[in-house]
Amino acid sequence: MDEWFEIPVLYKKARVAFPARLLQSGYTHRFVVDVNGQEIFFEPDEEQAYRALLDPEQMPDSKPVDLELLKAIAMAIEAILK
């Protein structure tokens, strides 16, 4: 599935939308979310909570992403899937 969609996120009392797409592989899946030009992967862990994975190749060239923002995006994904 290469369709892009937006994930609405409540962050610091403001509604923000981030472009995302779903990647499926076998029995698992992950979301690719564009956070200010940086692709961040979100995938379910053993307890089906979503965790963020950053591509190490993008890290030196980009600004650090706020941990609270990553948590907010993960919570938004979980809320959409429930």
N, C-alpha and C. Protein backbone atom coordinates (compact mmCIF):
# COMPACT_ATOMS: atom_id res chain seq x y z
N MET A 1 0.85 -1.17 0.00
CA MET A 1 0.00 0.00 0.00
C MET A 1 0.89 1.23 0.00
N ASP A 2 0.84 1.98 -1.06
CA ASP A 2 1.67 3.17 -1.17
C ASP A 2 0.87 4.45 -1.03
N GLU A 3 -0.34 4.35 -0.56
CA GLU A 3 -1.20 5.51 -0.40
C GLU A 3 -0.79 6.31 0.84
N TRP A 4 -0.64 7.60 0.67
CA TRP A 4 -0.34 8.47 1.81
C TRP A 4 -1.64 8.95 2.41
N PHE A 5 -1.68 9.09 3.72
CA PHE A 5 -2.82 9.63 4.45
C PHE A 5 -2.27 10.46 5.59
N GLU A 6 -3.13 11.15 6.30
CA GLU A 6 -2.67 11.98 7.42
C GLU A 6 -3.08 11.39 8.75
N ILE A 7 -2.19 11.46 9.71
CA ILE A 7 -2.48 11.04 11.07
C ILE A 7 -2.65 12.30 11.91
N PRO A 8 -3.86 12.52 12.44
CA PRO A 8 -4.07 13.69 13.29
C PRO A 8 -3.52 13.43 14.69
N VAL A 9 -2.76 14.38 15.20
CA VAL A 9 -2.09 14.22 16.50
C VAL A 9 -2.37 15.46 17.35
N LEU A 10 -2.68 15.23 18.62
CA LEU A 10 -2.82 16.32 19.58
C LEU A 10 -1.47 16.44 20.29
N TYR A 11 -0.80 17.59 20.07
CA TYR A 11 0.55 17.78 20.61
C TYR A 11 0.65 19.21 21.14
N LYS A 12 0.95 19.33 22.41
CA LYS A 12 1.07 20.63 23.07
C LYS A 12 -0.18 21.48 22.85
N LYS A 13 -1.34 20.83 23.06
CA LYS A 13 -2.66 21.47 22.97
C LYS A 13 -3.00 21.98 21.58
N ALA A 14 -2.33 21.47 20.57
CA ALA A 14 -2.62 21.86 19.19
C ALA A 14 -2.82 20.60 18.35
N ARG A 15 -3.70 20.68 17.38
CA ARG A 15 -3.91 19.58 16.44
C ARG A 15 -2.94 19.74 15.28
N VAL A 16 -2.19 18.68 15.04
CA VAL A 16 -1.21 18.66 13.95
C VAL A 16 -1.46 17.38 13.15
N ALA A 17 -1.27 17.43 11.85
CA ALA A 17 -1.43 16.24 11.02
C ALA A 17 -0.10 15.92 10.35
N PHE A 18 0.26 14.65 10.37
CA PHE A 18 1.50 14.20 9.76
C PHE A 18 1.20 13.22 8.63
N PRO A 19 1.84 13.38 7.48
CA PRO A 19 1.68 12.43 6.38
C PRO A 19 2.25 11.07 6.78
N ALA A 20 1.54 10.01 6.40
CA ALA A 20 1.98 8.66 6.76
C ALA A 20 1.54 7.68 5.68
N ARG A 21 2.16 6.52 5.71
CA ARG A 21 1.72 5.42 4.85
C ARG A 21 1.96 4.12 5.59
N LEU A 22 1.22 3.11 5.19
CA LEU A 22 1.28 1.80 5.84
C LEU A 22 2.12 0.87 4.98
N LEU A 23 3.07 0.19 5.61
CA LEU A 23 3.87 -0.83 4.93
C LEU A 23 3.52 -2.18 5.54
N GLN A 24 3.11 -3.12 4.71
CA GLN A 24 2.79 -4.46 5.21
C GLN A 24 3.83 -5.44 4.70
N SER A 25 4.22 -6.35 5.59
CA SER A 25 5.20 -7.36 5.24
C SER A 25 4.86 -8.64 5.99
N GLY A 26 4.39 -9.63 5.27
CA GLY A 26 4.04 -10.89 5.91
C GLY A 26 2.94 -10.70 6.93
N TYR A 27 3.22 -11.09 8.16
CA TYR A 27 2.24 -10.99 9.23
C TYR A 27 2.35 -9.70 10.03
N THR A 28 3.24 -8.83 9.65
CA THR A 28 3.44 -7.61 10.43
C THR A 28 3.25 -6.38 9.55
N HIS A 29 3.28 -5.25 10.18
CA HIS A 29 3.13 -3.98 9.47
C HIS A 29 3.88 -2.90 10.23
N ARG A 30 4.07 -1.79 9.56
CA ARG A 30 4.65 -0.61 10.20
C ARG A 30 4.12 0.61 9.46
N PHE A 31 4.10 1.70 10.18
CA PHE A 31 3.71 2.98 9.58
C PHE A 31 4.97 3.80 9.36
N VAL A 32 5.03 4.47 8.24
CA VAL A 32 6.10 5.42 7.96
C VAL A 32 5.46 6.80 8.09
N VAL A 33 5.96 7.60 9.03
CA VAL A 33 5.39 8.92 9.29
C VAL A 33 6.45 9.97 8.98
N ASP A 34 6.05 10.96 8.19
CA ASP A 34 6.94 12.07 7.85
C ASP A 34 6.81 13.13 8.94
N VAL A 35 7.83 13.23 9.77
CA VAL A 35 7.85 14.22 10.85
C VAL A 35 8.85 15.29 10.47
N ASN A 36 8.33 16.38 9.97
CA ASN A 36 9.17 17.52 9.56
C ASN A 36 10.29 17.11 8.60
N GLY A 37 9.94 16.29 7.62
CA GLY A 37 10.91 15.88 6.61
C GLY A 37 11.72 14.65 6.96
N GLN A 38 11.55 14.12 8.14
CA GLN A 38 12.28 12.92 8.56
C GLN A 38 11.31 11.75 8.64
N GLU A 39 11.64 10.65 7.96
CA GLU A 39 10.78 9.47 8.01
C GLU A 39 11.06 8.68 9.28
N ILE A 40 9.99 8.46 10.05
CA ILE A 40 10.09 7.70 11.29
C ILE A 40 9.13 6.52 11.17
N PHE A 41 9.63 5.34 11.51
CA PHE A 41 8.83 4.13 11.43
C PHE A 41 8.18 3.86 12.79
N PHE A 42 6.93 3.45 12.75
CA PHE A 42 6.21 3.05 13.96
C PHE A 42 5.72 1.63 13.72
N GLU A 43 6.08 0.73 14.66
CA GLU A 43 5.65 -0.65 14.53
C GLU A 43 5.18 -1.17 15.88
N PRO A 44 4.30 -2.16 15.86
CA PRO A 44 3.81 -2.70 17.14
C PRO A 44 4.88 -3.55 17.82
N ASP A 45 4.91 -3.43 19.15
CA ASP A 45 5.82 -4.28 19.92
C ASP A 45 5.07 -5.53 20.37
N GLU A 46 5.64 -6.29 21.28
CA GLU A 46 5.04 -7.54 21.73
C GLU A 46 3.69 -7.33 22.41
N GLU A 47 3.47 -6.16 22.99
CA GLU A 47 2.22 -5.87 23.69
C GLU A 47 1.26 -5.07 22.82
N GLN A 48 1.57 -4.96 21.53
CA GLN A 48 0.76 -4.24 20.53
C GLN A 48 0.70 -2.74 20.77
N ALA A 49 1.63 -2.20 21.52
CA ALA A 49 1.80 -0.75 21.63
C ALA A 49 2.79 -0.36 20.53
N TYR A 50 2.67 0.84 20.01
CA TYR A 50 3.54 1.24 18.90
C TYR A 50 4.80 1.93 19.42
N ARG A 51 5.91 1.57 18.81
CA ARG A 51 7.20 2.18 19.16
C ARG A 51 7.77 2.85 17.91
N ALA A 52 8.55 3.87 18.14
CA ALA A 52 9.17 4.61 17.03
C ALA A 52 10.56 4.06 16.76
N LEU A 53 10.88 3.93 15.48
CA LEU A 53 12.20 3.51 15.05
C LEU A 53 12.73 4.57 14.09
N LEU A 54 13.91 5.07 14.37
CA LEU A 54 14.50 6.09 13.51
C LEU A 54 15.59 5.48 12.66
N ASP A 55 15.68 5.92 11.42
CA ASP A 55 16.71 5.45 10.51
C ASP A 55 18.03 6.12 10.88
N PRO A 56 19.04 5.35 11.28
CA PRO A 56 20.32 5.97 11.69
C PRO A 56 20.97 6.81 10.60
N GLU A 57 20.71 6.50 9.34
CA GLU A 57 21.30 7.27 8.25
C GLU A 57 20.75 8.69 8.19
N GLN A 58 19.54 8.91 8.71
CA GLN A 58 18.94 10.24 8.69
C GLN A 58 19.31 11.07 9.91
N MET A 59 19.74 10.45 10.96
CA MET A 59 19.97 11.15 12.22
C MET A 59 21.06 12.22 12.17
N PRO A 60 22.21 12.01 11.54
CA PRO A 60 23.24 13.06 11.58
C PRO A 60 22.81 14.35 10.88
N ASP A 61 21.97 14.24 9.85
CA ASP A 61 21.59 15.41 9.07
C ASP A 61 20.36 16.13 9.61
N SER A 62 19.68 15.55 10.57
CA SER A 62 18.41 16.12 11.01
C SER A 62 18.46 16.55 12.47
N LYS A 63 17.51 17.41 12.81
CA LYS A 63 17.38 17.83 14.20
C LYS A 63 16.75 16.69 15.00
N PRO A 64 17.05 16.59 16.28
CA PRO A 64 16.42 15.55 17.09
C PRO A 64 14.91 15.79 17.18
N VAL A 65 14.17 14.70 17.19
CA VAL A 65 12.71 14.77 17.28
C VAL A 65 12.33 14.69 18.75
N ASP A 66 11.39 15.52 19.14
CA ASP A 66 10.92 15.57 20.52
C ASP A 66 10.30 14.22 20.91
N LEU A 67 10.76 13.66 22.01
CA LEU A 67 10.25 12.38 22.49
C LEU A 67 8.75 12.44 22.76
N GLU A 68 8.27 13.54 23.28
CA GLU A 68 6.83 13.68 23.56
C GLU A 68 6.02 13.67 22.26
N LEU A 69 6.58 14.21 21.19
CA LEU A 69 5.91 14.18 19.90
C LEU A 69 5.81 12.74 19.40
N LEU A 70 6.89 11.97 19.53
CA LEU A 70 6.86 10.57 19.11
C LEU A 70 5.82 9.78 19.90
N LYS A 71 5.73 10.04 21.19
CA LYS A 71 4.72 9.37 22.02
C LYS A 71 3.31 9.76 21.56
N ALA A 72 3.11 11.02 21.25
CA ALA A 72 1.80 11.49 20.80
C ALA A 72 1.41 10.83 19.47
N ILE A 73 2.35 10.68 18.57
CA ILE A 73 2.07 10.03 17.29
C ILE A 73 1.72 8.56 17.51
N ALA A 74 2.49 7.88 18.37
CA ALA A 74 2.21 6.47 18.67
C ALA A 74 0.82 6.32 19.27
N MET A 75 0.45 7.20 20.17
CA MET A 75 -0.89 7.15 20.78
C MET A 75 -1.97 7.41 19.73
N ALA A 76 -1.73 8.31 18.79
CA ALA A 76 -2.70 8.59 17.74
C ALA A 76 -2.89 7.37 16.84
N ILE A 77 -1.81 6.68 16.51
CA ILE A 77 -1.92 5.46 15.71
C ILE A 77 -2.73 4.40 16.45
N GLU A 78 -2.44 4.22 17.73
CA GLU A 78 -3.18 3.24 18.53
C GLU A 78 -4.66 3.58 18.59
N ALA A 79 -4.97 4.87 18.72
CA ALA A 79 -6.37 5.29 18.80
C ALA A 79 -7.10 5.04 17.48
N ILE A 80 -6.42 5.25 16.38
CA ILE A 80 -7.03 5.02 15.07
C ILE A 80 -7.36 3.55 14.87
N LEU A 81 -6.49 2.67 15.35
CA LEU A 81 -6.66 1.24 15.12
C LEU A 81 -7.61 0.55 16.09
N LYS A 82 -8.03 1.24 17.11
CA LYS A 82 -8.96 0.62 18.08
C LYS A 82 -10.37 0.69 17.60
